[in-house]
Amino acid sequence: MPSDHHEPEHSRRGARRAAPRRRADRPRGAGAVLGLTLLGAVIPGTGYLLAGRKKLGAVVLTISLGLLAMAGYLGLTQRDRILELAVAPQQLQYVTIGLCLLGTLWIVVIVTSHRALRPGVATKGSRFGGAVLVGMLSFAVAVPTAMGVQTARTQKDLVQTVFAAGDSKSATRPIVKNKKDPWAGKPRLNVLLLGADDAQGRKGVRTDTVIVASVDTVSGNVSLISLPRKLMFMPFPKGTKLHEAYPDGFGKDGITKEERLEWMLDAIYKNVPEQRPGIVGPSDNEGADILKLSVGEATGLTMDYYVQINLAGFTQLVNALGGIRVNINYPIPVGGSDDDKRPPNYYLQPAQNKHLWGAEALWYARGRYGIANPDDARSARQRCAINAIAEAATPPNLLKSYRSLAAVGKNMLRTDIPQDLLPAFLELALRIKSAKVSEVPLDGRKLKFAYPHPDYDGLRTTVATALSTKPTTPAATPKPRPSQTTPKPTTKPTGKPSTPATTEPTADLANACEYHPQEAP
């Protein structure tokens, strides 16, 4: 009968509605599973959602997007907090723990998402392909996580090793109450840069390089003041025990030329603490504190902090940066000693934009054999070397070589800059990076630097005048082209080089370090 052969209409509609559900329940292909596993790794939580575990997927996806949004917000609007995080040892410890936890959970999400997406019955080939993909994705997460953890630990170690903690001792470090904005009401920050040379054959440490970096805390402009290492009778502030011990300054009259070597600027670091131990009070680096007081009195500036660089580590620093580029304007000796009558191994010949690795960069900064007025020449080249290092320290270069630079910094740097001021120093460093670096020209003859009693009153006047006026920008002049007669590099030059002819100095350090070769006699 017809009624026995026809289904009710509502039964046919139910069958049609159920059909898509049966198609959705079909097992996914191997390619689809791998693709969805990759998507679930890139956007954690989506794998769970596509596998039907909607509550778990929603929670994981919400957390993932929330962390991503937070990272973007902090990166765009909270740079100060990020800088503070990067130099706070305790916060870096939290970062280390957080990175480990985040990386582990991410790998767990990758593995479990794939298991949820994979059909219950799968071929050996599809299982093997899934295992390979999950392994590769987990490795892709584990490697940067491990690198991030190692970087955070390295940074923490660097901060704790180099920068002064709360229990550090300093006789000259200023007391700062406003840690958030220590430059408020402070137009200039003066940092004493010391290049300490404890090379083999020397007794004790001598500071062959003494440079004052005076920083405009508003603009970030830096003025460098280089003092010759052979200055005698370096003064000390009145009212201090140092002035009582050396009322006429650190020096002696009526002594031989050889004996004078122990009474010059580069000998203060070693000899004053030996002659008058504890004279400045509690200090982690007595020689540096004494130099801060002496250089401050000589220049008329208050030295806020010091940064001491071991010249033996200078080579490693330059190598870690991938070398530096400088203009060599006259032959510079590599090795050699005027005192021992020992000629140099060879000379760095005049060259434009010359790439130097660490060892030659060090001799570029310190070579002096046979050069007239060697201290003036070295001071000028040292300022150019500082400028070249600043130019080489680009963000990509710093990131690429960070671990090497951190390892070098631990071994070559000493400073009394406190850890709790590092965020403010980093902010200032960012300003300096895009600001102008200039030199304060000192007329050594006029100031009698070569005499036992230099004109320190004149030095103070020169420094005060240079820092109180804004240097005018020199008119643009075409850069000289390399001369056709520039001597070809040789390892055994026929004569000793001379210091380049004296010219009107420029305020801009980049201009002072331009290529303008001089003929050697």
Protein backbone atom coordinates (compact mmCIF):
# COMPACT_ATOMS: atom_id res chain seq x y z
CA MET A 1 0.00 0.00 0.00
CA PRO A 2 1.28 3.53 -0.69
CA SER A 3 1.20 4.44 2.96
CA ASP A 4 3.70 1.62 3.62
CA HIS A 5 6.31 2.96 1.17
CA HIS A 6 6.49 6.72 1.98
CA GLU A 7 8.43 8.26 4.90
CA PRO A 8 6.89 11.08 6.84
CA GLU A 9 8.06 14.54 5.67
CA HIS A 10 9.61 15.42 9.05
CA SER A 11 11.78 12.27 8.91
CA ARG A 12 13.24 13.31 5.51
CA ARG A 13 14.03 16.81 6.85
CA GLY A 14 15.82 15.30 9.88
CA ALA A 15 17.89 13.08 7.61
CA ARG A 16 18.89 16.06 5.49
CA ARG A 17 19.94 17.99 8.63
CA ALA A 18 21.99 15.05 9.90
CA ALA A 19 23.89 14.57 6.65
CA PRO A 20 26.37 17.45 7.15
CA ARG A 21 27.15 16.22 10.66
CA ARG A 22 28.19 12.84 9.26
CA ARG A 23 30.47 14.57 6.73
CA ALA A 24 32.05 16.71 9.51
CA ASP A 25 32.77 13.62 11.55
CA ARG A 26 34.90 12.14 8.80
CA PRO A 27 38.60 11.82 9.79
CA ARG A 28 40.83 14.70 8.69
CA GLY A 29 43.51 14.03 6.14
CA ALA A 30 47.18 14.03 7.16
CA GLY A 31 47.82 17.32 5.35
CA ALA A 32 44.90 19.03 7.08
CA VAL A 33 46.11 17.85 10.50
CA LEU A 34 49.62 19.18 9.86
CA GLY A 35 48.30 22.52 8.62
CA LEU A 36 46.01 22.95 11.61
CA THR A 37 48.83 21.94 13.97
CA LEU A 38 50.98 24.69 12.47
CA LEU A 39 48.14 27.20 12.87
CA GLY A 40 47.65 26.11 16.48
CA ALA A 41 51.36 26.68 17.15
CA VAL A 42 51.41 30.15 15.60
CA ILE A 43 48.15 31.21 17.29
CA PRO A 44 47.93 29.10 20.47
CA GLY A 45 44.36 28.03 21.19
CA THR A 46 43.12 27.76 17.62
CA GLY A 47 44.14 24.10 17.48
CA TYR A 48 41.88 23.27 20.42
CA LEU A 49 38.98 25.20 18.88
CA LEU A 50 39.27 23.36 15.57
CA ALA A 51 39.47 20.04 17.41
CA GLY A 52 36.16 20.76 19.12
CA ARG A 53 37.58 21.58 22.58
CA LYS A 54 35.98 24.99 22.56
CA LYS A 55 36.27 25.99 26.25
CA LEU A 56 39.95 25.12 26.49
CA GLY A 57 40.63 26.71 23.11
CA ALA A 58 38.86 29.93 24.09
CA VAL A 59 40.85 30.19 27.33
CA VAL A 60 44.22 29.57 25.67
CA LEU A 61 43.43 31.88 22.74
CA THR A 62 42.32 34.66 25.10
CA ILE A 63 45.51 34.35 27.13
CA SER A 64 47.64 34.33 23.98
CA LEU A 65 46.00 37.41 22.50
CA GLY A 66 46.13 39.14 25.89
CA LEU A 67 49.88 38.53 26.22
CA LEU A 68 50.42 39.74 22.65
CA ALA A 69 48.40 42.90 23.28
CA MET A 70 50.26 43.54 26.52
CA ALA A 71 53.63 43.17 24.80
CA GLY A 72 52.58 45.62 22.08
CA TYR A 73 51.27 48.11 24.61
CA LEU A 74 54.44 48.00 26.71
CA GLY A 75 56.65 48.25 23.65
CA LEU A 76 54.84 51.29 22.28
CA THR A 77 53.97 53.23 25.43
CA GLN A 78 56.04 51.97 28.35
CA ARG A 79 59.65 52.28 27.18
CA ASP A 80 60.73 53.59 30.59
CA ARG A 81 59.41 50.48 32.32
CA ILE A 82 61.12 48.21 29.80
CA LEU A 83 64.44 50.00 30.31
CA GLU A 84 64.01 49.71 34.05
CA LEU A 85 63.28 46.02 33.65
CA ALA A 86 66.42 45.51 31.56
CA VAL A 87 68.75 46.80 34.27
CA ALA A 88 67.07 45.57 37.45
CA PRO A 89 68.60 42.26 38.64
CA GLN A 90 65.52 41.16 40.58
CA GLN A 91 63.20 41.94 37.67
CA LEU A 92 65.54 40.09 35.31
CA GLN A 93 65.22 37.05 37.56
CA TYR A 94 61.44 37.22 37.16
CA VAL A 95 61.89 37.53 33.39
CA THR A 96 64.02 34.39 33.38
CA ILE A 97 61.37 32.42 35.27
CA GLY A 98 58.60 33.83 33.09
CA LEU A 99 60.36 32.92 29.86
CA CYS A 100 60.95 29.35 31.05
CA LEU A 101 57.31 28.96 32.05
CA LEU A 102 55.99 30.55 28.85
CA GLY A 103 58.19 28.42 26.60
CA THR A 104 57.23 25.23 28.41
CA LEU A 105 53.50 25.95 28.22
CA TRP A 106 53.76 26.87 24.55
CA ILE A 107 55.38 23.52 23.75
CA VAL A 108 52.69 21.72 25.78
CA VAL A 109 50.00 23.53 23.76
CA ILE A 110 51.67 22.49 20.48
CA VAL A 111 51.87 18.82 21.48
CA THR A 112 48.36 18.55 22.94
CA SER A 113 46.78 20.51 20.07
CA HIS A 114 48.23 18.05 17.58
CA ARG A 115 47.00 15.08 19.59
CA ALA A 116 43.51 16.59 19.70
CA LEU A 117 43.51 17.24 15.95
CA ARG A 118 44.92 13.85 14.98
CA PRO A 119 42.31 11.17 14.17
CA GLY A 120 42.08 8.16 16.42
CA VAL A 121 43.12 5.84 13.59
CA ALA A 122 46.09 7.13 11.59
CA THR A 123 48.69 5.54 9.38
CA LYS A 124 52.29 5.19 10.46
CA GLY A 125 53.31 7.71 7.83
CA SER A 126 50.93 10.39 9.08
CA ARG A 127 52.00 9.75 12.68
CA PHE A 128 55.64 10.07 11.71
CA GLY A 129 54.95 13.30 9.78
CA GLY A 130 53.05 14.71 12.74
CA ALA A 131 55.85 13.80 15.15
CA VAL A 132 58.42 15.51 12.92
CA LEU A 133 56.33 18.68 12.62
CA VAL A 134 55.64 18.82 16.37
CA GLY A 135 59.33 18.31 17.07
CA MET A 136 60.31 21.09 14.69
CA LEU A 137 57.74 23.50 16.12
CA SER A 138 58.80 22.68 19.68
CA PHE A 139 62.43 23.25 18.71
CA ALA A 140 61.48 26.58 17.11
CA VAL A 141 59.97 27.64 20.43
CA ALA A 142 62.66 26.17 22.68
CA VAL A 143 65.65 27.81 20.94
CA PRO A 144 64.56 31.47 21.22
CA THR A 145 63.25 30.76 24.71
CA ALA A 146 66.63 29.42 25.76
CA MET A 147 68.38 32.37 24.11
CA GLY A 148 66.07 34.79 25.91
CA VAL A 149 66.72 33.08 29.24
CA GLN A 150 70.47 33.13 28.64
CA THR A 151 70.36 36.82 27.64
CA ALA A 152 68.39 37.74 30.76
CA ARG A 153 70.84 35.83 32.96
CA THR A 154 73.80 37.42 31.19
CA GLN A 155 72.31 40.88 31.60
CA LYS A 156 71.65 40.25 35.28
CA ASP A 157 75.22 39.05 35.80
CA LEU A 158 76.61 42.08 33.94
CA VAL A 159 74.60 44.57 36.00
CA GLN A 160 75.53 42.94 39.28
CA THR A 161 79.21 42.63 38.36
CA VAL A 162 79.93 46.04 36.84
CA PHE A 163 77.53 48.50 38.44
CA ALA A 164 77.55 49.57 42.06
CA ALA A 165 75.09 47.89 44.40
CA GLY A 166 73.61 49.42 47.52
CA ASP A 167 76.51 48.30 49.71
CA SER A 168 79.23 49.76 47.45
CA LYS A 169 81.58 52.41 48.82
CA SER A 170 82.45 55.68 47.13
CA ALA A 171 83.97 58.83 48.56
CA THR A 172 82.89 61.02 45.65
CA ARG A 173 79.60 59.67 44.29
CA PRO A 174 76.75 62.18 44.58
CA ILE A 175 73.70 61.42 46.69
CA VAL A 176 70.65 61.33 44.41
CA LYS A 177 67.20 61.54 45.97
CA ASN A 178 65.11 61.71 42.81
CA LYS A 179 65.92 58.33 41.26
CA LYS A 180 63.19 58.65 38.62
CA ASP A 181 64.58 61.91 37.22
CA PRO A 182 68.10 62.45 38.58
CA TRP A 183 68.82 65.11 35.94
CA ALA A 184 66.09 67.46 37.18
CA GLY A 185 67.83 70.73 37.99
CA LYS A 186 71.16 69.28 36.78
CA PRO A 187 72.07 70.79 33.39
CA ARG A 188 75.32 68.83 32.97
CA LEU A 189 76.49 65.35 33.95
CA ASN A 190 80.27 64.91 34.15
CA VAL A 191 81.69 61.42 33.79
CA LEU A 192 85.41 60.72 34.09
CA LEU A 193 86.59 58.17 31.52
CA LEU A 194 89.77 56.35 32.54
CA GLY A 195 91.82 54.10 30.30
CA ALA A 196 93.83 51.93 32.67
CA ASP A 197 96.98 50.29 31.36
CA ASP A 198 98.33 47.38 33.38
CA ALA A 199 100.42 45.96 30.55
CA GLN A 200 103.18 43.45 31.17
CA GLY A 201 106.33 45.10 32.50
CA ARG A 202 104.49 47.86 34.33
CA LYS A 203 104.30 48.07 38.09
CA GLY A 204 100.71 48.72 39.03
CA VAL A 205 97.97 50.38 37.02
CA ARG A 206 98.50 53.67 35.20
CA THR A 207 95.70 55.71 33.68
CA ASP A 208 97.19 56.62 30.31
CA THR A 209 93.81 57.93 29.14
CA VAL A 210 91.96 60.59 31.13
CA ILE A 211 88.93 62.10 29.39
CA VAL A 212 86.04 64.07 30.85
CA ALA A 213 82.70 63.49 29.13
CA SER A 214 80.47 66.43 29.98
CA VAL A 215 76.89 65.65 28.95
CA ASP A 216 74.12 68.17 28.41
CA THR A 217 71.28 66.34 30.14
CA VAL A 218 68.62 68.10 28.05
CA SER A 219 69.97 67.74 24.51
CA GLY A 220 72.32 64.78 25.04
CA ASN A 221 75.22 66.67 23.44
CA VAL A 222 78.60 65.52 24.74
CA SER A 223 81.77 67.56 25.12
CA LEU A 224 85.01 65.60 25.54
CA ILE A 225 87.96 67.08 27.41
CA SER A 226 91.21 65.12 27.12
CA LEU A 227 94.00 65.69 29.63
CA PRO A 228 97.61 64.77 28.77
CA ARG A 229 98.92 61.96 30.93
CA LYS A 230 102.17 63.81 31.76
CA LEU A 231 100.57 66.74 33.61
CA MET A 232 102.35 67.49 36.87
CA PHE A 233 101.21 69.19 40.05
CA MET A 234 97.60 68.17 39.48
CA PRO A 235 95.63 70.13 42.12
CA PHE A 236 93.23 68.90 44.78
CA PRO A 237 90.20 70.75 46.22
CA LYS A 238 90.89 72.99 49.17
CA GLY A 239 89.53 71.76 52.47
CA THR A 240 90.23 68.11 51.66
CA LYS A 241 92.86 65.84 53.17
CA LEU A 242 94.34 65.49 49.71
CA HIS A 243 94.98 69.24 49.55
CA GLU A 244 96.54 69.12 53.01
CA ALA A 245 98.85 66.31 51.88
CA TYR A 246 99.66 67.92 48.52
CA PRO A 247 99.06 71.68 48.96
CA ASP A 248 100.85 72.51 45.71
CA GLY A 249 99.36 69.59 43.81
CA PHE A 250 100.71 66.13 43.05
CA GLY A 251 104.28 66.82 41.99
CA LYS A 252 107.83 67.58 43.06
CA ASP A 253 110.39 70.13 42.00
CA GLY A 254 114.10 69.48 41.66
CA ILE A 255 113.82 65.85 40.57
CA THR A 256 115.19 64.01 37.56
CA LYS A 257 113.25 63.40 34.38
CA GLU A 258 112.91 59.74 35.26
CA GLU A 259 111.64 60.55 38.75
CA ARG A 260 109.01 62.85 37.26
CA LEU A 261 107.27 59.81 35.79
CA GLU A 262 106.03 58.96 39.28
CA TRP A 263 104.55 62.42 39.81
CA MET A 264 102.46 62.80 36.70
CA LEU A 265 98.74 62.50 36.11
CA ASP A 266 98.93 58.90 34.97
CA ALA A 267 100.68 57.93 38.24
CA ILE A 268 98.07 59.40 40.62
CA TYR A 269 95.81 56.33 40.46
CA LYS A 270 98.58 54.07 41.73
CA ASN A 271 100.87 56.28 43.81
CA VAL A 272 98.55 58.42 45.94
CA PRO A 273 96.74 55.43 47.51
CA GLU A 274 100.15 53.89 48.18
CA GLN A 275 101.53 57.08 49.70
CA ARG A 276 98.36 58.05 51.60
CA PRO A 277 96.16 54.97 52.07
CA GLY A 278 92.59 55.74 53.09
CA ILE A 279 92.99 59.48 52.48
CA VAL A 280 89.59 59.85 50.79
CA GLY A 281 87.69 57.59 53.17
CA PRO A 282 85.80 54.37 52.38
CA SER A 283 86.10 53.55 48.69
CA ASP A 284 85.87 50.54 46.41
CA ASN A 285 88.29 52.19 43.98
CA GLU A 286 90.44 54.71 45.84
CA GLY A 287 92.54 55.64 42.80
CA ALA A 288 89.45 56.53 40.75
CA ASP A 289 87.95 58.61 43.57
CA ILE A 290 91.22 60.54 43.96
CA LEU A 291 91.34 61.19 40.23
CA LYS A 292 87.73 62.42 40.23
CA LEU A 293 88.66 65.03 42.83
CA SER A 294 91.90 66.03 41.11
CA VAL A 295 90.54 66.23 37.56
CA GLY A 296 87.50 68.08 38.85
CA GLU A 297 89.69 70.68 40.52
CA ALA A 298 91.91 71.03 37.44
CA THR A 299 88.98 71.54 35.05
CA GLY A 300 86.63 73.41 37.38
CA LEU A 301 83.98 70.70 37.01
CA THR A 302 82.49 68.31 39.54
CA MET A 303 83.06 64.72 38.49
CA ASP A 304 79.82 62.84 39.17
CA TYR A 305 80.86 59.33 38.17
CA TYR A 306 83.73 57.46 36.60
CA VAL A 307 83.96 54.66 34.05
CA GLN A 308 87.27 52.80 34.02
CA ILE A 309 88.23 50.71 31.01
CA ASN A 310 91.02 48.18 31.08
CA LEU A 311 92.90 48.78 27.84
CA ALA A 312 93.63 45.06 27.60
CA GLY A 313 89.88 44.56 27.20
CA PHE A 314 89.64 47.33 24.60
CA THR A 315 90.87 44.87 21.97
CA GLN A 316 88.12 42.41 22.88
CA LEU A 317 85.49 45.14 22.83
CA VAL A 318 86.40 46.22 19.30
CA ASN A 319 86.48 42.60 18.12
CA ALA A 320 83.06 41.94 19.65
CA LEU A 321 81.68 44.89 17.70
CA GLY A 322 83.14 43.51 14.48
CA GLY A 323 85.88 46.15 14.33
CA ILE A 324 85.74 49.91 13.91
CA ARG A 325 86.30 52.26 10.99
CA VAL A 326 88.58 55.29 11.32
CA ASN A 327 90.43 57.75 9.13
CA ILE A 328 94.20 57.47 9.46
CA ASN A 329 95.80 60.79 8.60
CA TYR A 330 99.48 60.02 9.22
CA PRO A 331 101.56 56.90 9.85
CA ILE A 332 100.83 55.50 13.32
CA PRO A 333 103.38 53.17 14.92
CA VAL A 334 102.34 49.70 15.99
CA GLY A 335 104.59 48.80 18.90
CA GLY A 336 107.93 50.42 19.58
CA SER A 337 109.33 52.35 22.53
CA ASP A 338 111.10 55.70 22.54
CA ASP A 339 112.54 55.01 25.98
CA ASP A 340 114.05 51.66 24.98
CA LYS A 341 115.03 52.85 21.49
CA ARG A 342 112.96 49.99 20.07
CA PRO A 343 111.41 50.66 16.64
CA PRO A 344 107.80 49.72 15.92
CA ASN A 345 106.84 46.50 14.18
CA TYR A 346 105.15 48.46 11.38
CA TYR A 347 103.00 51.54 10.78
CA LEU A 348 99.33 51.99 10.10
CA GLN A 349 99.51 53.97 6.90
CA PRO A 350 97.18 56.87 5.94
CA ALA A 351 93.83 55.50 4.78
CA GLN A 352 90.24 56.66 4.55
CA ASN A 353 87.51 54.77 6.40
CA LYS A 354 90.00 52.07 7.37
CA HIS A 355 88.59 48.98 9.08
CA LEU A 356 90.58 47.97 12.16
CA TRP A 357 90.28 44.94 14.38
CA GLY A 358 91.02 45.10 18.09
CA ALA A 359 94.82 44.91 18.20
CA GLU A 360 95.38 47.56 15.54
CA ALA A 361 92.56 49.72 16.94
CA LEU A 362 94.38 49.73 20.27
CA TRP A 363 97.60 50.92 18.62
CA TYR A 364 95.64 53.49 16.66
CA ALA A 365 94.55 54.91 20.01
CA ARG A 366 97.88 54.66 21.81
CA GLY A 367 100.76 54.54 19.28
CA ARG A 368 103.36 57.21 20.08
CA TYR A 369 106.80 56.13 18.87
CA GLY A 370 108.66 59.00 17.22
CA ILE A 371 105.63 61.30 17.10
CA ALA A 372 106.16 64.90 18.10
CA ASN A 373 103.79 65.99 20.89
CA PRO A 374 102.68 62.37 21.31
CA ASP A 375 100.23 63.07 24.13
CA ASP A 376 98.27 65.60 22.07
CA ALA A 377 98.27 63.26 19.07
CA ARG A 378 97.14 60.28 21.17
CA SER A 379 94.40 62.28 22.87
CA ALA A 380 93.01 63.32 19.49
CA ARG A 381 93.06 59.74 18.17
CA GLN A 382 91.50 58.41 21.36
CA ARG A 383 88.57 60.77 20.93
CA CYS A 384 88.21 59.54 17.36
CA ALA A 385 88.33 55.93 18.57
CA ILE A 386 85.52 56.67 21.04
CA ASN A 387 83.51 58.19 18.22
CA ALA A 388 84.17 55.14 16.00
CA ILE A 389 83.04 52.75 18.76
CA ALA A 390 79.84 54.77 19.23
CA GLU A 391 79.17 54.55 15.50
CA ALA A 392 79.81 50.79 15.50
CA ALA A 393 77.44 50.25 18.42
CA THR A 394 74.28 50.20 16.30
CA PRO A 395 71.21 48.43 17.76
CA PRO A 396 71.47 45.47 15.30
CA ASN A 397 75.17 45.12 16.05
CA LEU A 398 74.59 45.25 19.79
CA LEU A 399 71.85 42.62 19.60
CA LYS A 400 73.93 40.35 17.40
CA SER A 401 77.01 40.56 19.64
CA TYR A 402 75.32 41.13 22.98
CA ARG A 403 76.61 38.05 24.81
CA SER A 404 80.18 38.68 23.64
CA LEU A 405 79.95 42.34 24.61
CA ALA A 406 78.53 41.47 28.02
CA ALA A 407 81.36 39.01 28.68
CA VAL A 408 83.91 41.64 27.67
CA GLY A 409 82.21 44.31 29.76
CA LYS A 410 82.42 42.21 32.92
CA ASN A 411 86.19 41.95 32.57
CA MET A 412 87.09 45.42 31.33
CA LEU A 413 84.72 47.85 33.07
CA ARG A 414 84.61 49.37 36.54
CA THR A 415 82.32 52.20 37.55
CA ASP A 416 80.62 53.83 40.51
CA ILE A 417 77.35 54.35 38.61
CA PRO A 418 74.70 52.79 40.89
CA GLN A 419 72.32 50.14 39.67
CA ASP A 420 69.22 52.10 40.65
CA LEU A 421 70.18 54.95 38.28
CA LEU A 422 70.69 52.73 35.24
CA PRO A 423 67.22 53.37 33.75
CA ALA A 424 67.91 57.12 33.78
CA PHE A 425 71.36 56.55 32.28
CA LEU A 426 69.88 54.43 29.50
CA GLU A 427 67.37 57.16 28.69
CA LEU A 428 70.21 59.67 28.54
CA ALA A 429 72.29 57.29 26.40
CA LEU A 430 69.47 57.17 23.83
CA ARG A 431 69.58 60.96 23.66
CA ILE A 432 73.36 60.91 23.29
CA LYS A 433 73.16 58.41 20.43
CA SER A 434 71.34 60.91 18.23
CA ALA A 435 73.09 64.03 19.60
CA LYS A 436 76.38 65.75 18.83
CA VAL A 437 79.77 64.71 20.21
CA SER A 438 82.32 67.49 20.27
CA GLU A 439 85.76 68.13 21.70
CA VAL A 440 86.95 71.01 23.84
CA PRO A 441 90.20 72.11 22.18
CA LEU A 442 93.04 72.75 24.63
CA ASP A 443 96.06 74.76 23.56
CA GLY A 444 98.85 72.80 25.24
CA ARG A 445 101.46 75.46 24.57
CA LYS A 446 99.37 78.30 25.92
CA LEU A 447 98.36 76.26 28.96
CA LYS A 448 101.98 75.11 29.50
CA PHE A 449 101.11 71.42 29.62
CA ALA A 450 104.74 70.47 28.95
CA TYR A 451 105.98 72.46 31.95
CA PRO A 452 106.15 71.17 35.54
CA HIS A 453 103.58 73.78 36.60
CA PRO A 454 100.77 73.98 33.99
CA ASP A 455 98.33 76.87 33.90
CA TYR A 456 95.36 75.27 35.65
CA ASP A 457 93.58 78.62 36.02
CA GLY A 458 93.74 78.95 32.25
CA LEU A 459 92.48 75.39 31.85
CA ARG A 460 89.46 76.09 34.04
CA THR A 461 88.71 79.26 32.10
CA THR A 462 88.97 77.41 28.77
CA VAL A 463 86.63 74.66 29.91
CA ALA A 464 84.10 77.06 31.41
CA THR A 465 84.04 79.15 28.25
CA ALA A 466 83.61 76.11 25.99
CA LEU A 467 80.75 74.66 28.01
CA SER A 468 78.92 77.91 28.57
CA THR A 469 78.64 78.82 24.88
CA LYS A 470 76.99 76.90 22.09
CA PRO A 471 79.55 76.12 19.40
CA THR A 472 78.62 77.43 15.99
CA THR A 473 78.17 74.94 13.22
CA PRO A 474 81.10 75.25 10.82
CA ALA A 475 80.35 75.97 7.21
CA ALA A 476 80.18 72.88 5.06
CA THR A 477 83.39 72.23 3.20
CA PRO A 478 84.01 69.53 0.64
CA LYS A 479 85.84 66.54 2.02
CA PRO A 480 89.31 66.20 0.55
CA ARG A 481 89.74 63.34 -1.84
CA PRO A 482 92.44 60.75 -1.30
CA SER A 483 95.67 62.13 -2.69
CA GLN A 484 97.26 60.50 -5.69
CA THR A 485 100.56 60.81 -3.88
CA THR A 486 99.43 59.11 -0.69
CA PRO A 487 102.21 56.68 0.23
CA LYS A 488 101.46 53.02 -0.25
CA PRO A 489 101.37 50.84 2.87
CA THR A 490 104.76 49.63 3.89
CA THR A 491 105.89 47.71 6.90
CA LYS A 492 109.20 49.52 7.20
CA PRO A 493 108.89 53.23 6.58
CA THR A 494 112.02 55.20 5.97
CA GLY A 495 111.36 57.87 8.58
CA LYS A 496 109.48 58.59 11.75
CA PRO A 497 106.07 60.22 11.39
CA SER A 498 105.32 63.67 12.69
CA THR A 499 102.18 64.98 14.31
CA PRO A 500 99.88 66.55 11.75
CA ALA A 501 100.15 70.30 11.41
CA THR A 502 98.16 72.28 13.91
CA THR A 503 94.92 73.66 12.48
CA GLU A 504 91.98 75.50 13.91
CA PRO A 505 90.10 72.78 15.85
CA THR A 506 86.45 72.18 15.19
CA ALA A 507 83.83 71.60 17.85
CA ASP A 508 82.28 68.65 16.02
CA LEU A 509 84.26 65.48 16.71
CA ALA A 510 83.12 63.92 13.44
CA ASN A 511 84.72 66.80 11.54
CA ALA A 512 87.91 66.59 13.61
CA CYS A 513 88.21 62.91 12.70
CA GLU A 514 87.77 63.43 8.96
CA TYR A 515 90.31 62.24 6.41
CA HIS A 516 93.03 64.81 5.72
CA PRO A 517 96.29 62.90 5.24
CA GLN A 518 99.65 64.42 6.13
CA GLU A 519 102.94 63.60 4.45
CA ALA A 520 105.53 61.95 6.69
CA PRO A 521 109.01 63.55 6.53
